[in-house]
């Protein structure tokens, strides 16, 4: 009887494994992009302090980076809510 149960549930387990793998990959991608944006923001601050960047250029790029970080936070919240 257990063998029959295993055979009948195998497709569902396979789909769960695939969905879980996709979810984990999406979370990894979000985290990698977040880290890249943080690194870019750090470089931006260093360029501003070194005088290699104007205040206007700094403000514009900083706003873009912070907006994208906010979008990633929302995306991660969606992934957490609909993930497992």
Protein backbone atom coordinates (compact mmCIF):
# COMPACT_ATOMS: atom_id res chain seq x y z
CA UNK A 1 0.00 0.00 0.00
CA UNK A 2 2.82 2.41 0.79
CA UNK A 3 4.40 1.76 -2.59
CA UNK A 4 1.14 2.71 -4.29
CA UNK A 5 0.94 5.88 -2.20
CA UNK A 6 4.50 6.77 -3.17
CA UNK A 7 3.73 6.24 -6.84
CA UNK A 8 0.58 8.34 -6.70
CA UNK A 9 2.22 11.18 -4.80
CA UNK A 10 5.43 11.28 -6.87
CA UNK A 11 4.15 13.88 -9.38
CA UNK A 12 3.00 16.20 -6.59
CA UNK A 13 6.33 15.84 -4.80
CA UNK A 14 8.14 16.53 -8.05
CA UNK A 15 6.13 19.71 -8.64
CA UNK A 16 6.76 20.83 -5.08
CA UNK A 17 10.49 20.27 -5.54
CA UNK A 18 10.51 22.27 -8.78
CA UNK A 19 8.49 25.12 -7.28
CA UNK A 20 10.74 25.18 -4.23
CA UNK A 21 13.86 25.26 -6.41
CA UNK A 22 12.50 28.15 -8.46
CA UNK A 23 11.57 30.02 -5.30
CA UNK A 24 15.05 29.55 -3.83
CA UNK A 25 16.68 30.69 -7.07
CA UNK A 26 14.51 33.81 -7.14
CA UNK A 27 15.46 34.64 -3.56
CA UNK A 28 19.15 34.18 -4.37
CA UNK A 29 18.80 36.47 -7.38
CA UNK A 30 17.14 39.17 -5.28
CA UNK A 31 19.87 38.93 -2.66
CA UNK A 32 22.63 39.09 -5.29
CA UNK A 33 21.11 42.18 -6.87
CA UNK A 34 20.64 43.79 -3.45
CA UNK A 35 24.31 43.22 -2.63
CA UNK A 36 25.40 44.63 -6.01
CA UNK A 37 23.29 47.74 -5.42
CA UNK A 38 24.74 48.20 -1.93
CA UNK A 39 28.24 47.92 -3.36
CA UNK A 40 27.38 50.47 -6.04
CA UNK A 41 25.94 52.81 -3.42
CA UNK A 42 29.11 52.49 -1.37
CA UNK A 43 31.22 53.30 -4.45
CA UNK A 44 28.95 56.25 -5.15
CA UNK A 45 29.55 57.67 -1.66
CA UNK A 46 33.29 57.19 -2.05
CA UNK A 47 33.23 58.99 -5.43
CA UNK A 48 31.30 61.88 -3.87
CA UNK A 49 33.76 62.18 -0.99
CA UNK A 50 36.71 62.04 -3.41
CA UNK A 51 35.18 64.84 -5.48
CA UNK A 52 34.88 62.67 -8.58
CA UNK A 53 31.12 63.17 -8.68
CA UNK A 54 28.89 66.25 -8.48
CA UNK A 55 26.13 66.52 -5.89
CA UNK A 56 23.48 66.50 -8.62
CA UNK A 57 24.81 63.35 -10.25
CA UNK A 58 25.17 61.72 -6.85
CA UNK A 59 21.61 62.59 -5.83
CA UNK A 60 20.15 61.30 -9.09
CA UNK A 61 21.99 57.98 -9.00
CA UNK A 62 21.41 57.53 -5.26
CA UNK A 63 17.67 57.97 -5.77
CA UNK A 64 17.68 55.34 -8.54
CA UNK A 65 19.56 52.86 -6.37
CA UNK A 66 17.36 53.44 -3.32
CA UNK A 67 14.21 53.10 -5.44
CA UNK A 68 15.48 49.78 -6.81
CA UNK A 69 16.32 48.59 -3.28
CA UNK A 70 12.74 49.42 -2.26
CA UNK A 71 11.43 47.45 -5.25
CA UNK A 72 13.59 44.50 -4.23
CA UNK A 73 12.25 44.67 -0.67
CA UNK A 74 8.70 44.54 -2.03
CA UNK A 75 9.60 41.66 -4.33
CA UNK A 76 11.18 39.75 -1.46
CA UNK A 77 8.07 40.31 0.67
CA UNK A 78 5.98 38.88 -2.18
CA UNK A 79 8.32 35.88 -2.42
CA UNK A 80 8.08 35.27 1.30
CA UNK A 81 4.30 35.58 1.28
CA UNK A 82 3.72 33.26 -1.64
CA UNK A 83 6.73 31.01 -1.27
CA UNK A 84 6.21 28.04 1.03
